[in-house]
Amino acid sequence: MEERRPYEEQPVDLNPDRRDLMHRADAPVRKADKGRRKTGAVVFTIITVVIMLLYIILLLGIVFSGGNDPVGDSIIVIMVAIPILVILGVVYACRERMKEIEGGEWDEASKY
């Protein structure tokens, strides 16, 4: 009977073809998948930014068409700051996702 070794001590050359595909970032399938994943992240970011910008424009339209109410204006400023923070957060998350995809970390969330 063969002795069981921990995973780290298993021989690496059990299936060299599979191992090679797993570690090569320039494999054709991975390149296509990388492009698809990048496109999805960018499209989601653009859609979210556009929706938030439309929300900001709507709020600013309300402010400029209304009267002079200092309390209402301060609330509008807070309400405009929230989508700006959302835009910054989504753009930051997209940049981080691009780094993950370039680094070969395809499905980081699936580990958890």
PDB file of N, CA and C in Angstrom:
ATOM      1  N   MET A   1       0.839  -1.172   0.000  1.00  0.00           N
ATOM      2  CA  MET A   1       0.000   0.000   0.000  1.00  0.00           C
ATOM      3  C   MET A   1       0.893   1.248   0.000  1.00  0.00           C
ATOM      4  N   GLU A   2       0.521   2.228  -0.816  1.00  0.00           N
ATOM      5  CA  GLU A   2       1.340   3.430  -0.961  1.00  0.00           C
ATOM      6  C   GLU A   2       1.086   4.390   0.197  1.00  0.00           C
ATOM      7  N   GLU A   3       2.144   5.006   0.646  1.00  0.00           N
ATOM      8  CA  GLU A   3       2.050   5.942   1.765  1.00  0.00           C
ATOM      9  C   GLU A   3       1.431   7.252   1.280  1.00  0.00           C
ATOM     10  N   ARG A   4       0.476   7.807   2.036  1.00  0.00           N
ATOM     11  CA  ARG A   4      -0.172   9.077   1.691  1.00  0.00           C
ATOM     12  C   ARG A   4       0.695  10.229   2.170  1.00  0.00           C
ATOM     13  N   ARG A   5       0.919  11.186   1.295  1.00  0.00           N
ATOM     14  CA  ARG A   5       1.694  12.365   1.657  1.00  0.00           C
ATOM     15  C   ARG A   5       0.775  13.583   1.640  1.00  0.00           C
ATOM     16  N   PRO A   6       1.102  14.623   2.403  1.00  0.00           N
ATOM     17  CA  PRO A   6       0.304  15.860   2.339  1.00  0.00           C
ATOM     18  C   PRO A   6       0.311  16.408   0.915  1.00  0.00           C
ATOM     19  N   TYR A   7      -0.682  17.214   0.639  1.00  0.00           N
ATOM     20  CA  TYR A   7      -0.863  17.742  -0.722  1.00  0.00           C
ATOM     21  C   TYR A   7       0.381  18.466  -1.224  1.00  0.00           C
ATOM     22  N   GLU A   8       1.017  19.235  -0.361  1.00  0.00           N
ATOM     23  CA  GLU A   8       2.195  19.995  -0.780  1.00  0.00           C
ATOM     24  C   GLU A   8       3.337  19.081  -1.223  1.00  0.00           C
ATOM     25  N   GLU A   9       3.368  17.863  -0.713  1.00  0.00           N
ATOM     26  CA  GLU A   9       4.468  16.961  -1.032  1.00  0.00           C
ATOM     27  C   GLU A   9       4.141  16.019  -2.187  1.00  0.00           C
ATOM     28  N   GLN A  10       2.987  16.164  -2.802  1.00  0.00           N
ATOM     29  CA  GLN A  10       2.615  15.296  -3.916  1.00  0.00           C
ATOM     30  C   GLN A  10       3.528  15.585  -5.108  1.00  0.00           C
ATOM     31  N   PRO A  11       3.838  14.579  -5.902  1.00  0.00           N
ATOM     32  CA  PRO A  11       4.671  14.818  -7.084  1.00  0.00           C
ATOM     33  C   PRO A  11       3.975  15.768  -8.044  1.00  0.00           C
ATOM     34  N   VAL A  12       4.733  16.683  -8.583  1.00  0.00           N
ATOM     35  CA  VAL A  12       4.172  17.705  -9.449  1.00  0.00           C
ATOM     36  C   VAL A  12       3.955  17.183 -10.867  1.00  0.00           C
ATOM     37  N   ASP A  13       4.720  16.199 -11.284  1.00  0.00           N
ATOM     38  CA  ASP A  13       4.686  15.761 -12.669  1.00  0.00           C
ATOM     39  C   ASP A  13       3.651  14.668 -12.941  1.00  0.00           C
ATOM     40  N   LEU A  14       2.571  14.617 -12.183  1.00  0.00           N
ATOM     41  CA  LEU A  14       1.559  13.597 -12.405  1.00  0.00           C
ATOM     42  C   LEU A  14       0.889  13.773 -13.769  1.00  0.00           C
ATOM     43  N   ASN A  15       0.556  15.001 -14.113  1.00  0.00           N
ATOM     44  CA  ASN A  15      -0.067  15.281 -15.400  1.00  0.00           C
ATOM     45  C   ASN A  15       0.521  16.589 -15.919  1.00  0.00           C
ATOM     46  N   PRO A  16       1.649  16.537 -16.597  1.00  0.00           N
ATOM     47  CA  PRO A  16       2.329  17.771 -16.990  1.00  0.00           C
ATOM     48  C   PRO A  16       1.517  18.627 -17.954  1.00  0.00           C
ATOM     49  N   ASP A  17       0.692  18.028 -18.795  1.00  0.00           N
ATOM     50  CA  ASP A  17      -0.090  18.832 -19.740  1.00  0.00           C
ATOM     51  C   ASP A  17      -1.096  19.706 -18.988  1.00  0.00           C
ATOM     52  N   ARG A  18      -1.778  19.135 -18.031  1.00  0.00           N
ATOM     53  CA  ARG A  18      -2.757  19.873 -17.250  1.00  0.00           C
ATOM     54  C   ARG A  18      -2.079  20.955 -16.420  1.00  0.00           C
ATOM     55  N   ARG A  19      -0.961  20.624 -15.813  1.00  0.00           N
ATOM     56  CA  ARG A  19      -0.231  21.594 -15.003  1.00  0.00           C
ATOM     57  C   ARG A  19       0.215  22.765 -15.859  1.00  0.00           C
ATOM     58  N   ASP A  20       0.664  22.471 -17.068  1.00  0.00           N
ATOM     59  CA  ASP A  20       1.122  23.519 -17.962  1.00  0.00           C
ATOM     60  C   ASP A  20      -0.017  24.473 -18.309  1.00  0.00           C
ATOM     61  N   LEU A  21      -1.187  23.955 -18.560  1.00  0.00           N
ATOM     62  CA  LEU A  21      -2.328  24.804 -18.893  1.00  0.00           C
ATOM     63  C   LEU A  21      -2.778  25.633 -17.706  1.00  0.00           C
ATOM     64  N   MET A  22      -2.651  25.063 -16.518  1.00  0.00           N
ATOM     65  CA  MET A  22      -3.088  25.790 -15.339  1.00  0.00           C
ATOM     66  C   MET A  22      -2.199  26.996 -15.050  1.00  0.00           C
ATOM     67  N   HIS A  23      -0.953  26.955 -15.408  1.00  0.00           N
ATOM     68  CA  HIS A  23      -0.028  28.016 -15.042  1.00  0.00           C
ATOM     69  C   HIS A  23       0.305  28.961 -16.181  1.00  0.00           C
ATOM     70  N   ARG A  24      -0.126  28.664 -17.376  1.00  0.00           N
ATOM     71  CA  ARG A  24       0.207  29.531 -18.501  1.00  0.00           C
ATOM     72  C   ARG A  24      -0.856  30.595 -18.675  1.00  0.00           C
ATOM     73  N   ALA A  25      -0.454  31.838 -18.542  1.00  0.00           N
ATOM     74  CA  ALA A  25      -1.403  32.938 -18.696  1.00  0.00           C
ATOM     75  C   ALA A  25      -1.692  33.219 -20.159  1.00  0.00           C
ATOM     76  N   ASP A  26      -0.853  32.705 -21.069  1.00  0.00           N
ATOM     77  CA  ASP A  26      -1.037  33.011 -22.481  1.00  0.00           C
ATOM     78  C   ASP A  26      -1.753  31.888 -23.229  1.00  0.00           C
ATOM     79  N   ALA A  27      -2.358  30.953 -22.535  1.00  0.00           N
ATOM     80  CA  ALA A  27      -3.108  29.891 -23.196  1.00  0.00           C
ATOM     81  C   ALA A  27      -4.289  30.522 -23.937  1.00  0.00           C
ATOM     82  N   PRO A  28      -4.621  30.048 -25.143  1.00  0.00           N
ATOM     83  CA  PRO A  28      -5.680  30.681 -25.940  1.00  0.00           C
ATOM     84  C   PRO A  28      -7.025  30.740 -25.224  1.00  0.00           C
ATOM     85  N   VAL A  29      -7.395  29.699 -24.537  1.00  0.00           N
ATOM     86  CA  VAL A  29      -8.679  29.700 -23.841  1.00  0.00           C
ATOM     87  C   VAL A  29      -8.664  30.745 -22.733  1.00  0.00           C
ATOM     88  N   ARG A  30      -7.569  30.828 -22.025  1.00  0.00           N
ATOM     89  CA  ARG A  30      -7.473  31.797 -20.935  1.00  0.00           C
ATOM     90  C   ARG A  30      -7.481  33.233 -21.461  1.00  0.00           C
ATOM     91  N   LYS A  31      -6.858  33.481 -22.608  1.00  0.00           N
ATOM     92  CA  LYS A  31      -6.866  34.831 -23.164  1.00  0.00           C
ATOM     93  C   LYS A  31      -8.279  35.257 -23.509  1.00  0.00           C
ATOM     94  N   ALA A  32      -9.040  34.360 -24.132  1.00  0.00           N
ATOM     95  CA  ALA A  32     -10.423  34.684 -24.473  1.00  0.00           C
ATOM     96  C   ALA A  32     -11.237  34.909 -23.210  1.00  0.00           C
ATOM     97  N   ASP A  33     -11.019  34.066 -22.213  1.00  0.00           N
ATOM     98  CA  ASP A  33     -11.733  34.198 -20.955  1.00  0.00           C
ATOM     99  C   ASP A  33     -11.345  35.495 -20.249  1.00  0.00           C
ATOM    100  N   LYS A  34     -10.070  35.842 -20.320  1.00  0.00           N
ATOM    101  CA  LYS A  34      -9.585  37.076 -19.704  1.00  0.00           C
ATOM    102  C   LYS A  34     -10.267  38.286 -20.335  1.00  0.00           C
ATOM    103  N   GLY A  35     -10.389  38.275 -21.651  1.00  0.00           N
ATOM    104  CA  GLY A  35     -11.045  39.385 -22.347  1.00  0.00           C
ATOM    105  C   GLY A  35     -12.513  39.491 -21.976  1.00  0.00           C
ATOM    106  N   ARG A  36     -13.174  38.355 -21.869  1.00  0.00           N
ATOM    107  CA  ARG A  36     -14.581  38.349 -21.491  1.00  0.00           C
ATOM    108  C   ARG A  36     -14.769  38.886 -20.076  1.00  0.00           C
ATOM    109  N   ARG A  37     -13.909  38.476 -19.179  1.00  0.00           N
ATOM    110  CA  ARG A  37     -14.021  38.933 -17.794  1.00  0.00           C
ATOM    111  C   ARG A  37     -13.740  40.434 -17.689  1.00  0.00           C
ATOM    112  N   LYS A  38     -12.746  40.914 -18.411  1.00  0.00           N
ATOM    113  CA  LYS A  38     -12.453  42.347 -18.393  1.00  0.00           C
ATOM    114  C   LYS A  38     -13.623  43.144 -18.960  1.00  0.00           C
ATOM    115  N   THR A  39     -14.179  42.652 -20.062  1.00  0.00           N
ATOM    116  CA  THR A  39     -15.299  43.346 -20.684  1.00  0.00           C
ATOM    117  C   THR A  39     -16.481  43.423 -19.727  1.00  0.00           C
ATOM    118  N   GLY A  40     -16.765  42.338 -19.038  1.00  0.00           N
ATOM    119  CA  GLY A  40     -17.867  42.337 -18.078  1.00  0.00           C
ATOM    120  C   GLY A  40     -17.658  43.344 -16.961  1.00  0.00           C
ATOM    121  N   ALA A  41     -16.449  43.414 -16.439  1.00  0.00           N
ATOM    122  CA  ALA A  41     -16.158  44.357 -15.357  1.00  0.00           C
ATOM    123  C   ALA A  41     -16.285  45.799 -15.830  1.00  0.00           C
ATOM    124  N   VAL A  42     -15.792  46.077 -17.030  1.00  0.00           N
ATOM    125  CA  VAL A  42     -15.846  47.441 -17.562  1.00  0.00           C
ATOM    126  C   VAL A  42     -17.289  47.838 -17.877  1.00  0.00           C
ATOM    127  N   VAL A  43     -18.057  46.929 -18.457  1.00  0.00           N
ATOM    128  CA  VAL A  43     -19.452  47.233 -18.792  1.00  0.00           C
ATOM    129  C   VAL A  43     -20.254  47.523 -17.525  1.00  0.00           C
ATOM    130  N   PHE A  44     -20.072  46.702 -16.495  1.00  0.00           N
ATOM    131  CA  PHE A  44     -20.765  46.947 -15.233  1.00  0.00           C
ATOM    132  C   PHE A  44     -20.377  48.304 -14.655  1.00  0.00           C
ATOM    133  N   THR A  45     -19.100  48.638 -14.719  1.00  0.00           N
ATOM    134  CA  THR A  45     -18.644  49.926 -14.196  1.00  0.00           C
ATOM    135  C   THR A  45     -19.269  51.081 -14.967  1.00  0.00           C
ATOM    136  N   ILE A  46     -19.289  50.985 -16.286  1.00  0.00           N
ATOM    137  CA  ILE A  46     -19.859  52.061 -17.105  1.00  0.00           C
ATOM    138  C   ILE A  46     -21.346  52.226 -16.821  1.00  0.00           C
ATOM    139  N   ILE A  47     -22.079  51.123 -16.735  1.00  0.00           N
ATOM    140  CA  ILE A  47     -23.516  51.210 -16.461  1.00  0.00           C
ATOM    141  C   ILE A  47     -23.768  51.861 -15.104  1.00  0.00           C
ATOM    142  N   THR A  48     -23.016  51.465 -14.095  1.00  0.00           N
ATOM    143  CA  THR A  48     -23.202  52.032 -12.761  1.00  0.00           C
ATOM    144  C   THR A  48     -22.866  53.516 -12.739  1.00  0.00           C
ATOM    145  N   VAL A  49     -21.780  53.904 -13.400  1.00  0.00           N
ATOM    146  CA  VAL A  49     -21.388  55.318 -13.431  1.00  0.00           C
ATOM    147  C   VAL A  49     -22.443  56.147 -14.153  1.00  0.00           C
ATOM    148  N   VAL A  50     -22.960  55.640 -15.260  1.00  0.00           N
ATOM    149  CA  VAL A  50     -23.985  56.382 -16.006  1.00  0.00           C
ATOM    150  C   VAL A  50     -25.247  56.557 -15.157  1.00  0.00           C
ATOM    151  N   ILE A  51     -25.673  55.509 -14.470  1.00  0.00           N
ATOM    152  CA  ILE A  51     -26.873  55.619 -13.623  1.00  0.00           C
ATOM    153  C   ILE A  51     -26.646  56.637 -12.511  1.00  0.00           C
ATOM    154  N   MET A  52     -25.476  56.614 -11.892  1.00  0.00           N
ATOM    155  CA  MET A  52     -25.191  57.567 -10.821  1.00  0.00           C
ATOM    156  C   MET A  52     -25.106  59.001 -11.357  1.00  0.00           C
ATOM    157  N   LEU A  53     -24.531  59.174 -12.538  1.00  0.00           N
ATOM    158  CA  LEU A  53     -24.467  60.518 -13.134  1.00  0.00           C
ATOM    159  C   LEU A  53     -25.863  61.037 -13.474  1.00  0.00           C
ATOM    160  N   LEU A  54     -26.732  60.168 -13.978  1.00  0.00           N
ATOM    161  CA  LEU A  54     -28.117  60.581 -14.248  1.00  0.00           C
ATOM    162  C   LEU A  54     -28.826  60.988 -12.963  1.00  0.00           C
ATOM    163  N   TYR A  55     -28.560  60.270 -11.882  1.00  0.00           N
ATOM    164  CA  TYR A  55     -29.131  60.604 -10.585  1.00  0.00           C
ATOM    165  C   TYR A  55     -28.639  61.976 -10.114  1.00  0.00           C
ATOM    166  N   ILE A  56     -27.352  62.233 -10.276  1.00  0.00           N
ATOM    167  CA  ILE A  56     -26.785  63.533  -9.884  1.00  0.00           C
ATOM    168  C   ILE A  56     -27.399  64.650 -10.717  1.00  0.00           C
ATOM    169  N   ILE A  57     -27.521  64.430 -12.020  1.00  0.00           N
ATOM    170  CA  ILE A  57     -28.112  65.450 -12.901  1.00  0.00           C
ATOM    171  C   ILE A  57     -29.552  65.727 -12.492  1.00  0.00           C
ATOM    172  N   LEU A  58     -30.299  64.686 -12.164  1.00  0.00           N
ATOM    173  CA  LEU A  58     -31.677  64.866 -11.714  1.00  0.00           C
ATOM    174  C   LEU A  58     -31.719  65.698 -10.434  1.00  0.00           C
ATOM    175  N   LEU A  59     -30.873  65.394  -9.480  1.00  0.00           N
ATOM    176  CA  LEU A  59     -30.861  66.154  -8.230  1.00  0.00           C
ATOM    177  C   LEU A  59     -30.451  67.606  -8.458  1.00  0.00           C
ATOM    178  N   LEU A  60     -29.448  67.825  -9.298  1.00  0.00           N
ATOM    179  CA  LEU A  60     -29.021  69.201  -9.572  1.00  0.00           C
ATOM    180  C   LEU A  60     -30.095  69.958 -10.338  1.00  0.00           C
ATOM    181  N   GLY A  61     -30.831  69.262 -11.187  1.00  0.00           N
ATOM    182  CA  GLY A  61     -31.956  69.898 -11.881  1.00  0.00           C
ATOM    183  C   GLY A  61     -33.025  70.348 -10.904  1.00  0.00           C
ATOM    184  N   ILE A  62     -33.264  69.549  -9.884  1.00  0.00           N
ATOM    185  CA  ILE A  62     -34.236  69.928  -8.851  1.00  0.00           C
ATOM    186  C   ILE A  62     -33.757  71.153  -8.093  1.00  0.00           C
ATOM    187  N   VAL A  63     -32.469  71.190  -7.774  1.00  0.00           N
ATOM    188  CA  VAL A  63     -31.917  72.329  -7.029  1.00  0.00           C
ATOM    189  C   VAL A  63     -32.014  73.611  -7.841  1.00  0.00           C
ATOM    190  N   PHE A  64     -31.613  73.570  -9.105  1.00  0.00           N
ATOM    191  CA  PHE A  64     -31.591  74.784  -9.917  1.00  0.00           C
ATOM    192  C   PHE A  64     -32.977  75.231 -10.361  1.00  0.00           C
ATOM    193  N   SER A  65     -33.951  74.354 -10.350  1.00  0.00           N
ATOM    194  CA  SER A  65     -35.301  74.764 -10.738  1.00  0.00           C
ATOM    195  C   SER A  65     -36.120  75.211  -9.528  1.00  0.00           C
ATOM    196  N   GLY A  66     -35.647  74.912  -8.333  1.00  0.00           N
ATOM    197  CA  GLY A  66     -36.384  75.258  -7.114  1.00  0.00           C
ATOM    198  C   GLY A  66     -35.998  76.610  -6.577  1.00  0.00           C
ATOM    199  N   GLY A  67     -36.534  76.906  -5.415  1.00  0.00           N
ATOM    200  CA  GLY A  67     -36.258  78.188  -4.769  1.00  0.00           C
ATOM    201  C   GLY A  67     -34.980  78.135  -3.943  1.00  0.00           C
ATOM    202  N   ASN A  68     -34.840  79.121  -3.075  1.00  0.00           N
ATOM    203  CA  ASN A  68     -33.669  79.204  -2.208  1.00  0.00           C
ATOM    204  C   ASN A  68     -34.027  78.700  -0.817  1.00  0.00           C
ATOM    205  N   ASP A  69     -33.837  77.456  -0.586  1.00  0.00           N
ATOM    206  CA  ASP A  69     -34.080  76.848   0.720  1.00  0.00           C
ATOM    207  C   ASP A  69     -32.760  76.277   1.216  1.00  0.00           C
ATOM    208  N   PRO A  70     -32.089  76.949   2.181  1.00  0.00           N
ATOM    209  CA  PRO A  70     -30.770  76.493   2.618  1.00  0.00           C
ATOM    210  C   PRO A  70     -30.774  75.092   3.214  1.00  0.00           C
ATOM    211  N   VAL A  71     -31.822  74.717   3.908  1.00  0.00           N
ATOM    212  CA  VAL A  71     -31.881  73.373   4.496  1.00  0.00           C
ATOM    213  C   VAL A  71     -32.020  72.343   3.387  1.00  0.00           C
ATOM    214  N   GLY A  72     -32.877  72.598   2.423  1.00  0.00           N
ATOM    215  CA  GLY A  72     -33.067  71.689   1.299  1.00  0.00           C
ATOM    216  C   GLY A  72     -31.811  71.553   0.460  1.00  0.00           C
ATOM    217  N   ASP A  73     -31.102  72.671   0.296  1.00  0.00           N
ATOM    218  CA  ASP A  73     -29.868  72.629  -0.498  1.00  0.00           C
ATOM    219  C   ASP A  73     -28.789  71.795   0.184  1.00  0.00           C
ATOM    220  N   SER A  74     -28.706  71.881   1.509  1.00  0.00           N
ATOM    221  CA  SER A  74     -27.688  71.089   2.204  1.00  0.00           C
ATOM    222  C   SER A  74     -28.014  69.597   2.121  1.00  0.00           C
ATOM    223  N   ILE A  75     -29.281  69.268   2.139  1.00  0.00           N
ATOM    224  CA  ILE A  75     -29.670  67.866   1.989  1.00  0.00           C
ATOM    225  C   ILE A  75     -29.335  67.382   0.577  1.00  0.00           C
ATOM    226  N   ILE A  76     -29.560  68.225  -0.413  1.00  0.00           N
ATOM    227  CA  ILE A  76     -29.248  67.862  -1.798  1.00  0.00           C
ATOM    228  C   ILE A  76     -27.736  67.644  -1.951  1.00  0.00           C
ATOM    229  N   VAL A  77     -26.928  68.478  -1.294  1.00  0.00           N
ATOM    230  CA  VAL A  77     -25.471  68.311  -1.372  1.00  0.00           C
ATOM    231  C   VAL A  77     -25.076  66.940  -0.816  1.00  0.00           C
ATOM    232  N   ILE A  78     -25.674  66.552   0.287  1.00  0.00           N
ATOM    233  CA  ILE A  78     -25.390  65.229   0.865  1.00  0.00           C
ATOM    234  C   ILE A  78     -25.852  64.136  -0.085  1.00  0.00           C
ATOM    235  N   MET A  79     -27.016  64.326  -0.682  1.00  0.00           N
ATOM    236  CA  MET A  79     -27.549  63.318  -1.594  1.00  0.00           C
ATOM    237  C   MET A  79     -26.732  63.220  -2.880  1.00  0.00           C
ATOM    238  N   VAL A  80     -26.047  64.282  -3.266  1.00  0.00           N
ATOM    239  CA  VAL A  80     -25.171  64.234  -4.442  1.00  0.00           C
ATOM    240  C   VAL A  80     -23.832  63.599  -4.068  1.00  0.00           C
ATOM    241  N   ALA A  81     -23.389  63.792  -2.833  1.00  0.00           N
ATOM    242  CA  ALA A  81     -22.104  63.222  -2.398  1.00  0.00           C
ATOM    243  C   ALA A  81     -22.150  61.696  -2.370  1.00  0.00           C
ATOM    244  N   ILE A  82     -23.301  61.138  -2.051  1.00  0.00           N
ATOM    245  CA  ILE A  82     -23.413  59.669  -1.969  1.00  0.00           C
ATOM    246  C   ILE A  82     -23.153  59.007  -3.324  1.00  0.00           C
ATOM    247  N   PRO A  83     -23.810  59.421  -4.417  1.00  0.00           N
ATOM    248  CA  PRO A  83     -23.494  58.778  -5.700  1.00  0.00           C
ATOM    249  C   PRO A  83     -22.064  59.046  -6.182  1.00  0.00           C
ATOM    250  N   ILE A  84     -21.498  60.169  -5.792  1.00  0.00           N
ATOM    251  CA  ILE A  84     -20.100  60.422  -6.154  1.00  0.00           C
ATOM    252  C   ILE A  84     -19.201  59.400  -5.460  1.00  0.00           C
ATOM    253  N   LEU A  85     -19.478  59.108  -4.202  1.00  0.00           N
ATOM    254  CA  LEU A  85     -18.715  58.081  -3.491  1.00  0.00           C
ATOM    255  C   LEU A  85     -18.935  56.703  -4.105  1.00  0.00           C
ATOM    256  N   VAL A  86     -20.155  56.434  -4.549  1.00  0.00           N
ATOM    257  CA  VAL A  86     -20.432  55.155  -5.223  1.00  0.00           C
ATOM    258  C   VAL A  86     -19.622  55.050  -6.501  1.00  0.00           C
ATOM    259  N   ILE A  87     -19.578  56.133  -7.279  1.00  0.00           N
ATOM    260  CA  ILE A  87     -18.802  56.137  -8.528  1.00  0.00           C
ATOM    261  C   ILE A  87     -17.331  55.857  -8.232  1.00  0.00           C
ATOM    262  N   LEU A  88     -16.782  56.536  -7.240  1.00  0.00           N
ATOM    263  CA  LEU A  88     -15.370  56.329  -6.888  1.00  0.00           C
ATOM    264  C   LEU A  88     -15.119  54.890  -6.446  1.00  0.00           C
ATOM    265  N   GLY A  89     -16.038  54.336  -5.654  1.00  0.00           N
ATOM    266  CA  GLY A  89     -15.889  52.958  -5.196  1.00  0.00           C
ATOM    267  C   GLY A  89     -15.966  51.950  -6.331  1.00  0.00           C
ATOM    268  N   VAL A  90     -16.875  52.148  -7.260  1.00  0.00           N
ATOM    269  CA  VAL A  90     -17.024  51.222  -8.387  1.00  0.00           C
ATOM    270  C   VAL A  90     -15.814  51.292  -9.308  1.00  0.00           C
ATOM    271  N   VAL A  91     -15.302  52.480  -9.546  1.00  0.00           N
ATOM    272  CA  VAL A  91     -14.114  52.616 -10.403  1.00  0.00           C
ATOM    273  C   VAL A  91     -12.905  51.969  -9.728  1.00  0.00           C
ATOM    274  N   TYR A  92     -12.768  52.166  -8.431  1.00  0.00           N
ATOM    275  CA  TYR A  92     -11.671  51.533  -7.693  1.00  0.00           C
ATOM    276  C   TYR A  92     -11.787  50.004  -7.749  1.00  0.00           C
ATOM    277  N   ALA A  93     -12.998  49.492  -7.534  1.00  0.00           N
ATOM    278  CA  ALA A  93     -13.212  48.042  -7.584  1.00  0.00           C
ATOM    279  C   ALA A  93     -12.912  47.493  -8.976  1.00  0.00           C
ATOM    280  N   CYS A  94     -13.259  48.242 -10.008  1.00  0.00           N
ATOM    281  CA  CYS A  94     -12.967  47.806 -11.380  1.00  0.00           C
ATOM    282  C   CYS A  94     -11.461  47.754 -11.610  1.00  0.00           C
ATOM    283  N   ARG A  95     -10.735  48.737 -11.134  1.00  0.00           N
ATOM    284  CA  ARG A  95      -9.277  48.729 -11.281  1.00  0.00           C
ATOM    285  C   ARG A  95      -8.663  47.537 -10.566  1.00  0.00           C
ATOM    286  N   GLU A  96      -9.143  47.246  -9.359  1.00  0.00           N
ATOM    287  CA  GLU A  96      -8.636  46.096  -8.611  1.00  0.00           C
ATOM    288  C   GLU A  96      -8.973  44.790  -9.324  1.00  0.00           C
ATOM    289  N   ARG A  97     -10.157  44.719  -9.904  1.00  0.00           N
ATOM    290  CA  ARG A  97     -10.556  43.507 -10.636  1.00  0.00           C
ATOM    291  C   ARG A  97      -9.678  43.314 -11.854  1.00  0.00           C
ATOM    292  N   MET A  98      -9.320  44.396 -12.537  1.00  0.00           N
ATOM    293  CA  MET A  98      -8.426  44.296 -13.697  1.00  0.00           C
ATOM    294  C   MET A  98      -7.064  43.746 -13.279  1.00  0.00           C
ATOM    295  N   LYS A  99      -6.582  44.191 -12.122  1.00  0.00           N
ATOM    296  CA  LYS A  99      -5.307  43.677 -11.617  1.00  0.00           C
ATOM    297  C   LYS A  99      -5.413  42.186 -11.307  1.00  0.00           C
ATOM    298  N   GLU A 100      -6.547  41.773 -10.716  1.00  0.00           N
ATOM    299  CA  GLU A 100      -6.749  40.352 -10.417  1.00  0.00           C
ATOM    300  C   GLU A 100      -6.776  39.525 -11.702  1.00  0.00           C
ATOM    301  N   ILE A 101      -7.484  40.018 -12.702  1.00  0.00           N
ATOM    302  CA  ILE A 101      -7.589  39.278 -13.956  1.00  0.00           C
ATOM    303  C   ILE A 101      -6.226  39.181 -14.627  1.00  0.00           C
ATOM    304  N   GLU A 102      -5.478  40.273 -14.645  1.00  0.00           N
ATOM    305  CA  GLU A 102      -4.130  40.253 -15.246  1.00  0.00           C
ATOM    306  C   GLU A 102      -3.208  39.314 -14.484  1.00  0.00           C
ATOM    307  N   GLY A 103      -3.392  39.224 -13.180  1.00  0.00           N
ATOM    308  CA  GLY A 103      -2.553  38.357 -12.361  1.00  0.00           C
ATOM    309  C   GLY A 103      -2.972  36.901 -12.405  1.00  0.00           C
ATOM    310  N   GLY A 104      -4.036  36.589 -13.115  1.00  0.00           N
ATOM    311  CA  GLY A 104      -4.477  35.208 -13.240  1.00  0.00           C
ATOM    312  C   GLY A 104      -5.410  34.759 -12.137  1.00  0.00           C
ATOM    313  N   GLU A 105      -5.877  35.668 -11.323  1.00  0.00           N
ATOM    314  CA  GLU A 105      -6.804  35.331 -10.247  1.00  0.00           C
ATOM    315  C   GLU A 105      -8.220  35.434 -10.805  1.00  0.00           C
ATOM    316  N   TRP A 106      -8.662  34.374 -11.463  1.00  0.00           N
ATOM    317  CA  TRP A 106      -9.917  34.414 -12.215  1.00  0.00           C
ATOM    318  C   TRP A 106     -11.128  34.544 -11.318  1.00  0.00           C
ATOM    319  N   ASP A 107     -11.265  33.627 -10.385  1.00  0.00           N
ATOM    320  CA  ASP A 107     -12.457  33.610  -9.526  1.00  0.00           C
ATOM    321  C   ASP A 107     -12.032  33.668  -8.076  1.00  0.00           C
ATOM    322  N   GLU A 108     -11.610  34.821  -7.632  1.00  0.00           N
ATOM    323  CA  GLU A 108     -11.149  34.973  -6.260  1.00  0.00           C
ATOM    324  C   GLU A 108     -12.293  34.724  -5.278  1.00  0.00           C
ATOM    325  N   ALA A 109     -13.495  35.133  -5.620  1.00  0.00           N
ATOM    326  CA  ALA A 109     -14.619  34.970  -4.703  1.00  0.00           C
ATOM    327  C   ALA A 109     -15.006  33.504  -4.553  1.00  0.00           C
ATOM    328  N   SER A 110     -14.709  32.668  -5.534  1.00  0.00           N
ATOM    329  CA  SER A 110     -15.114  31.263  -5.453  1.00  0.00           C
ATOM    330  C   SER A 110     -14.306  30.487  -4.413  1.00  0.00           C
ATOM    331  N   LYS A 111     -13.214  31.064  -3.943  1.00  0.00           N
ATOM    332  CA  LYS A 111     -12.415  30.389  -2.913  1.00  0.00           C
ATOM    333  C   LYS A 111     -13.135  30.399  -1.565  1.00  0.00           C
ATOM    334  N   TYR A 112     -14.057  31.311  -1.401  1.00  0.00           N
ATOM    335  CA  TYR A 112     -14.666  31.498  -0.080  1.00  0.00           C
ATOM    336  C   TYR A 112     -16.053  30.964  -0.039  1.00  0.00           C
TER     337      TYR A 112
END
